[in-house]
Protein backbone atom coordinates (compact mmCIF):
# COMPACT_ATOMS: atom_id res chain seq x y z
CA MET A 1 42.20 -11.53 -71.57
CA LEU A 2 43.45 -9.19 -69.05
CA THR A 3 40.08 -9.69 -67.01
CA ALA A 4 39.90 -12.94 -66.89
CA LEU A 5 44.01 -13.49 -66.01
CA ILE A 6 42.90 -11.29 -63.07
CA LYS A 7 39.91 -13.29 -62.20
CA THR A 8 42.34 -16.55 -62.70
CA MET A 9 44.25 -14.97 -60.01
CA ARG A 10 41.41 -14.77 -57.44
CA PRO A 11 41.66 -11.74 -55.73
CA ARG A 12 38.74 -12.24 -53.37
CA GLN A 13 41.16 -15.15 -51.99
CA TRP A 14 43.88 -12.60 -50.76
CA THR A 15 41.24 -12.52 -48.13
CA LYS A 16 43.48 -15.13 -46.51
CA ASN A 17 46.74 -13.77 -46.30
CA VAL A 18 45.75 -10.93 -43.65
CA PHE A 19 46.47 -13.80 -41.34
CA ILE A 20 50.72 -12.61 -42.02
CA PHE A 21 49.44 -9.51 -39.87
CA ALA A 22 48.67 -11.56 -36.62
CA ALA A 23 52.68 -11.66 -35.55
CA LEU A 24 52.16 -7.30 -36.07
CA VAL A 25 48.80 -7.39 -33.92
CA PHE A 26 49.49 -9.71 -31.11
CA ASP A 27 52.33 -8.35 -30.93
CA LYS A 28 51.73 -5.27 -29.80
CA GLN A 29 53.30 -3.37 -33.11
CA LEU A 30 50.64 -2.85 -35.04
CA PHE A 31 51.60 1.29 -34.82
CA ASN A 32 55.76 0.45 -35.34
CA ILE A 33 55.74 2.29 -39.03
CA ASP A 34 58.52 -0.17 -39.90
CA SER A 35 56.92 -3.16 -38.49
CA PHE A 36 53.73 -2.32 -40.51
CA LEU A 37 55.35 -1.61 -43.74
CA ARG A 38 57.18 -4.32 -43.89
CA THR A 39 54.24 -6.61 -43.09
CA LEU A 40 52.33 -5.28 -45.65
CA ALA A 41 54.38 -5.77 -48.35
CA GLY A 42 55.20 -9.22 -46.69
CA PHE A 43 51.22 -9.53 -47.64
CA ALA A 44 51.35 -7.96 -50.89
CA LEU A 45 54.20 -10.84 -51.79
CA PHE A 46 51.61 -13.69 -50.67
CA CYS A 47 49.26 -12.04 -52.99
CA LEU A 48 51.13 -12.60 -55.75
CA ILE A 49 52.29 -16.20 -54.84
CA SER A 50 49.03 -17.65 -54.08
CA SER A 51 47.64 -15.99 -57.18
CA SER A 52 51.13 -18.24 -58.55
CA VAL A 53 49.50 -20.91 -57.18
CA TYR A 54 45.69 -20.73 -58.05
CA ILE A 55 46.60 -20.30 -61.52
CA PHE A 56 48.88 -23.29 -61.50
CA ASN A 57 46.35 -25.41 -59.67
CA ASP A 58 43.82 -24.14 -62.23
CA LEU A 59 46.15 -25.45 -65.05
CA ALA A 60 46.31 -28.90 -62.92
CA ASP A 61 42.56 -29.50 -62.88
CA VAL A 62 41.46 -28.02 -66.27
CA GLY A 63 39.47 -31.61 -66.82
CA ALA A 64 37.46 -31.69 -63.78
CA ASP A 65 37.07 -28.07 -63.81
CA ARG A 66 35.60 -28.68 -66.87
CA GLN A 67 32.69 -30.94 -65.63
CA HIS A 68 31.86 -29.23 -62.53
CA PRO A 69 28.77 -27.31 -62.41
CA GLU A 70 30.37 -23.94 -61.58
CA LYS A 71 33.92 -24.49 -61.84
CA LYS A 72 33.33 -25.19 -65.82
CA ASN A 73 32.91 -20.97 -65.79
CA ARG A 74 36.90 -20.34 -64.64
CA PRO A 75 38.81 -18.45 -67.45
CA ILE A 76 40.75 -21.38 -67.96
CA ALA A 77 38.25 -24.32 -68.31
CA SER A 78 36.03 -22.02 -70.39
CA GLY A 79 38.84 -21.20 -72.75
CA LYS A 80 38.77 -17.18 -71.73
CA LEU A 81 42.13 -17.50 -70.59
CA PRO A 82 44.74 -19.38 -73.20
CA VAL A 83 47.18 -22.19 -71.29
CA SER A 84 49.99 -20.69 -73.21
CA ILE A 85 48.89 -16.85 -71.04
CA ALA A 86 48.83 -18.72 -68.27
CA TRP A 87 51.21 -20.60 -67.76
CA GLY A 88 53.51 -17.39 -68.52
CA ALA A 89 51.42 -15.37 -65.91
CA GLY A 90 52.34 -18.21 -63.25
CA ILE A 91 55.98 -18.34 -63.92
CA ALA A 92 56.20 -14.41 -63.92
CA LEU A 93 54.29 -14.44 -60.92
CA MET A 94 56.05 -17.22 -59.15
CA LEU A 95 59.67 -15.48 -60.32
CA ALA A 96 58.78 -12.40 -59.18
CA THR A 97 57.53 -13.24 -55.75
CA PHE A 98 60.57 -15.18 -54.56
CA ILE A 99 63.10 -12.19 -55.85
CA LEU A 100 61.40 -9.51 -54.29
CA ALA A 101 61.20 -12.15 -51.14
CA TYR A 102 64.53 -12.59 -50.20
CA PHE A 103 65.06 -8.64 -50.71
CA LEU A 104 62.53 -8.76 -48.11
CA ALA A 105 63.80 -11.17 -45.98
CA PRO A 106 65.80 -14.32 -46.42
CA GLY A 107 63.61 -15.88 -43.20
CA PHE A 108 60.20 -14.63 -45.60
CA GLU A 109 61.59 -16.12 -48.43
CA PHE A 110 62.20 -19.26 -46.98
CA VAL A 111 58.19 -19.61 -46.17
CA VAL A 112 57.43 -18.32 -49.53
CA VAL A 113 59.17 -21.22 -51.40
CA LEU A 114 58.08 -23.69 -48.83
CA TYR A 115 54.13 -22.94 -49.32
CA PHE A 116 54.34 -22.43 -52.99
CA LEU A 117 56.50 -26.31 -52.91
CA ILE A 118 53.68 -27.24 -50.58
CA ASN A 119 50.95 -26.52 -52.64
CA MET A 120 52.62 -27.95 -55.81
CA ALA A 121 52.61 -31.05 -54.23
CA TYR A 122 49.13 -30.79 -53.47
CA SER A 123 47.78 -29.88 -56.62
CA LYS A 124 49.59 -32.72 -57.87
CA TRP A 125 49.71 -35.49 -55.50
CA LEU A 126 48.26 -34.64 -51.91
CA LYS A 127 44.53 -32.94 -52.85
CA HIS A 128 44.03 -36.87 -53.68
CA ILE A 129 44.45 -38.22 -50.28
CA PRO A 130 41.14 -37.57 -47.02
CA ILE A 131 42.12 -35.97 -44.29
CA VAL A 132 45.65 -34.95 -45.67
CA ASP A 133 44.56 -32.83 -48.12
CA VAL A 134 42.61 -30.62 -45.49
CA LEU A 135 45.75 -31.00 -43.30
CA ILE A 136 47.49 -29.17 -46.34
CA ILE A 137 45.15 -26.10 -46.46
CA ALA A 138 45.80 -25.59 -42.85
CA SER A 139 48.92 -26.01 -43.24
CA GLY A 140 49.12 -22.85 -45.81
CA PHE A 141 47.28 -20.70 -43.00
CA VAL A 142 49.76 -21.66 -40.62
CA LEU A 143 52.55 -20.84 -42.72
CA ARG A 144 50.67 -17.26 -43.08
CA VAL A 145 51.12 -16.72 -39.84
CA HIS A 146 54.78 -18.09 -39.49
CA ALA A 147 55.79 -15.49 -42.86
CA GLY A 148 54.72 -12.88 -40.17
CA VAL A 149 56.95 -13.81 -37.45
CA THR A 150 59.76 -13.68 -40.12
CA LEU A 151 59.27 -10.03 -40.65
CA ILE A 152 59.96 -8.15 -37.44
CA SER A 153 61.62 -8.70 -34.33
CA VAL A 154 58.95 -10.78 -32.51
CA GLU A 155 59.14 -10.22 -28.90
CA ARG A 156 56.25 -12.30 -26.94
CA PHE A 157 54.05 -14.15 -29.86
CA SER A 158 52.02 -16.71 -28.20
CA PRO A 159 52.81 -20.46 -29.73
CA TRP A 160 49.41 -20.63 -29.11
CA LEU A 161 48.02 -18.82 -31.88
CA TYR A 162 50.04 -21.36 -34.04
CA VAL A 163 47.20 -24.00 -32.37
CA VAL A 164 44.26 -22.24 -32.67
CA MET A 165 45.13 -21.20 -36.18
CA THR A 166 45.90 -24.47 -37.04
CA LEU A 167 42.61 -25.98 -35.52
CA LEU A 168 40.12 -23.17 -37.10
CA SER A 169 41.62 -23.55 -40.68
CA LEU A 170 41.06 -27.34 -40.14
CA PHE A 171 37.48 -26.17 -39.09
CA LEU A 172 37.68 -24.16 -42.59
CA GLY A 173 38.43 -26.85 -44.89
CA PHE A 174 36.71 -29.08 -43.56
CA GLY A 175 33.49 -27.18 -43.84
CA LYS A 176 34.80 -26.84 -47.20
CA ARG A 177 34.53 -30.21 -48.30
CA ARG A 178 31.42 -31.06 -46.33
CA ALA A 179 29.86 -27.76 -48.41
CA GLU A 180 31.35 -29.16 -52.08
CA ILE A 181 29.71 -32.84 -50.91
CA ALA A 182 26.41 -30.79 -50.05
CA LEU A 183 26.67 -29.12 -53.36
CA LEU A 184 27.69 -32.02 -55.70
CA THR A 185 25.58 -34.64 -54.07
CA HIS A 186 25.81 -38.36 -55.35
CA ASP A 187 27.90 -37.40 -58.61
CA ALA A 188 30.88 -35.68 -55.92
CA GLY A 189 33.71 -37.77 -56.43
CA SER A 190 33.69 -37.33 -60.21
CA HIS A 191 34.45 -34.12 -59.72
CA ARG A 192 36.43 -34.09 -56.64
CA LYS A 193 38.31 -37.63 -56.18
CA VAL A 194 38.82 -36.99 -52.61
CA LEU A 195 35.62 -36.50 -51.88
CA ASP A 196 34.86 -40.21 -52.06
CA GLY A 197 36.91 -40.25 -49.19
CA TYR A 198 34.16 -38.02 -47.12
CA THR A 199 30.71 -38.35 -46.13
CA LEU A 200 28.36 -35.96 -44.69
CA PRO A 201 28.03 -37.92 -40.98
CA LEU A 202 32.41 -38.03 -40.61
CA LEU A 203 32.78 -34.63 -42.15
CA ASP A 204 30.15 -32.92 -39.72
CA GLN A 205 32.07 -35.22 -36.72
CA TYR A 206 35.72 -33.66 -37.85
CA ILE A 207 33.80 -30.53 -38.16
CA MET A 208 32.42 -30.62 -34.38
CA ILE A 209 35.63 -32.18 -32.89
CA VAL A 210 38.03 -29.17 -34.46
CA SER A 211 35.09 -25.99 -33.67
CA ALA A 212 35.30 -27.56 -29.78
CA THR A 213 38.83 -27.69 -29.99
CA THR A 214 39.20 -24.23 -31.78
CA ILE A 215 37.33 -22.37 -28.51
CA VAL A 216 38.85 -23.94 -25.83
CA ALA A 217 42.57 -23.42 -27.48
CA TYR A 218 41.55 -20.04 -28.07
CA SER A 219 40.03 -19.85 -24.44
CA LEU A 220 43.33 -20.74 -22.84
CA TYR A 221 45.11 -18.39 -25.17
CA THR A 222 43.38 -15.51 -23.84
CA PHE A 223 44.19 -15.76 -20.17
CA SER A 224 47.68 -17.96 -20.25
CA ALA A 225 49.79 -16.32 -23.39
CA PRO A 226 52.82 -14.06 -21.93
CA ASN A 227 51.81 -10.94 -23.92
CA VAL A 228 47.85 -10.46 -22.53
CA PRO A 229 46.70 -7.81 -20.08
CA GLU A 230 46.80 -9.29 -16.56
CA ASN A 231 43.45 -8.40 -15.78
CA HIS A 232 42.75 -11.31 -18.36
CA SER A 233 39.81 -8.95 -20.28
CA MET A 234 41.24 -11.01 -23.48
CA MET A 235 38.57 -13.34 -22.14
CA LEU A 236 35.79 -10.83 -23.39
CA THR A 237 36.62 -11.30 -26.59
CA ILE A 238 35.60 -15.06 -26.39
CA PRO A 239 32.03 -14.62 -27.39
CA PHE A 240 32.78 -13.06 -30.51
CA VAL A 241 34.79 -16.46 -31.74
CA VAL A 242 32.01 -18.64 -30.38
CA TYR A 243 29.77 -16.43 -32.55
CA THR A 244 31.97 -16.63 -35.84
CA ILE A 245 32.23 -20.35 -35.40
CA PHE A 246 28.09 -20.76 -34.59
CA ARG A 247 27.74 -18.68 -37.59
CA TYR A 248 30.10 -20.45 -40.20
CA MET A 249 28.53 -24.15 -39.08
CA TYR A 250 24.61 -22.56 -39.18
CA LEU A 251 25.77 -21.13 -42.76
CA ILE A 252 27.25 -24.70 -44.27
CA GLN A 253 24.54 -27.03 -42.63
CA VAL A 254 21.28 -24.88 -43.33
CA LYS A 255 21.58 -22.05 -45.84
CA GLN A 256 24.30 -24.52 -47.67
CA ALA A 257 27.36 -22.02 -48.40
CA GLY A 258 30.85 -22.43 -46.88
CA GLY A 259 32.07 -24.40 -50.63
CA ALA A 260 34.49 -20.82 -50.72
CA PRO A 261 35.27 -19.18 -47.37
CA GLU A 262 36.16 -15.85 -48.12
CA GLU A 263 32.68 -15.55 -49.82
CA ILE A 264 31.30 -15.78 -46.23
CA LEU A 265 33.68 -13.37 -45.25
CA LEU A 266 32.78 -11.27 -48.44
CA SER A 267 29.33 -11.54 -48.20
CA ASP A 268 27.49 -12.57 -44.80
CA ARG A 269 27.14 -9.24 -42.85
CA PRO A 270 26.12 -10.72 -39.46
CA PHE A 271 29.68 -12.73 -39.99
CA GLN A 272 31.30 -9.24 -40.87
CA VAL A 273 30.16 -7.44 -37.82
CA ALA A 274 30.99 -10.66 -35.58
CA MET A 275 34.55 -10.21 -37.11
CA ILE A 276 34.77 -6.45 -37.30
CA LEU A 277 33.55 -6.60 -33.64
CA TRP A 278 36.44 -9.06 -32.68
CA GLY A 279 39.31 -7.23 -34.32
CA ALA A 280 37.88 -3.90 -32.43
CA ALA A 281 37.83 -5.63 -29.14
CA VAL A 282 41.33 -6.96 -29.44
CA LEU A 283 43.05 -3.79 -30.65
CA ALA A 284 41.16 -2.40 -28.00
CA ILE A 285 42.55 -4.21 -24.96
CA PHE A 286 45.86 -4.65 -26.66
CA TYR A 287 46.37 -1.26 -27.50
CA PHE A 288 44.23 0.94 -24.93
CA SER A 289 43.69 -0.79 -21.76
C-alpha cells in the first residue's frame, strides 16, 4: 500500500518543481547559502502540495481512469490504493504543506494555497473547458517561478522570464493534448471530455504559434533583461532552446511521445544533453564570465 501511495504522489512529476529555482539562478544568488536553502525548502514543499493535488485529481478521475488504456493501472483506479487511504494522505499532505509554507514565508504560503485552489478548480470544472485547461496548466508553472521569487530578496529578476515560462508551458500543454489525442484516436473524448474540443490540425497550429513566440521571447530576454551580461553572451544559449523545442516537436509528432512531458525529460538522451548544455552555458555566463 505504501508503494501504491508513493506512486500516486507522482515523484517523477516533481521535476516540474525545479522551476522554483529560476529566481535563485537568474538573480545570481545560486551561491548564496541562505537563499539556496530557503529555495530548496520551498522546492520540497511544492513537491508535497503537488503530490496532494495528484492524489485528489486521481480521486476525482477514478471513473474515467478505469476506462483509459494506461491510466487504468494507476493505484486508485486499479484498487491497489483504497480510496479512504488516498483521501487521508491527500488531506495530511495539504495541511502539512500549508503550515510549513507559512513559517517559511507568508508570501510563499499564498502562492502555495493559490496553486492548490486553482488545481482543485481544474480537477472539478476547468479541465473540461478547451484552451482554459491548458492555460491552467501553464499557470502552475508560472506560480512555481513566482514561488521562488517570494522566498528570496530579488534584486534584478527579469519579468521576461514570466513571459517565457508562460509560453513554454503552453507549448508543453498543447503538446500533451496532441499526444493524448494521437494515442486515443477516435475514442479520445470518452477518456477525457476536453479532447472533444481539440483536433490534431488545431493543436498543431497552437503548437506552432507558441513555439515560435517562445523562441522570440527568450531571445528578447537574452539581450534586454537588466541583469544579463552587457556583451550579450546570453544570446549564445538561444540555439539550445531552439533545439529542445524542435526536439520536443519531433518526439510528439514523429515518435508519438509527449503524453507525459516529464517522461521525455527523464528518458530522452538528446533532450537531456541539450538541457544540460543549456544549463551549463547559463551558469558559465551568469557566474563565471
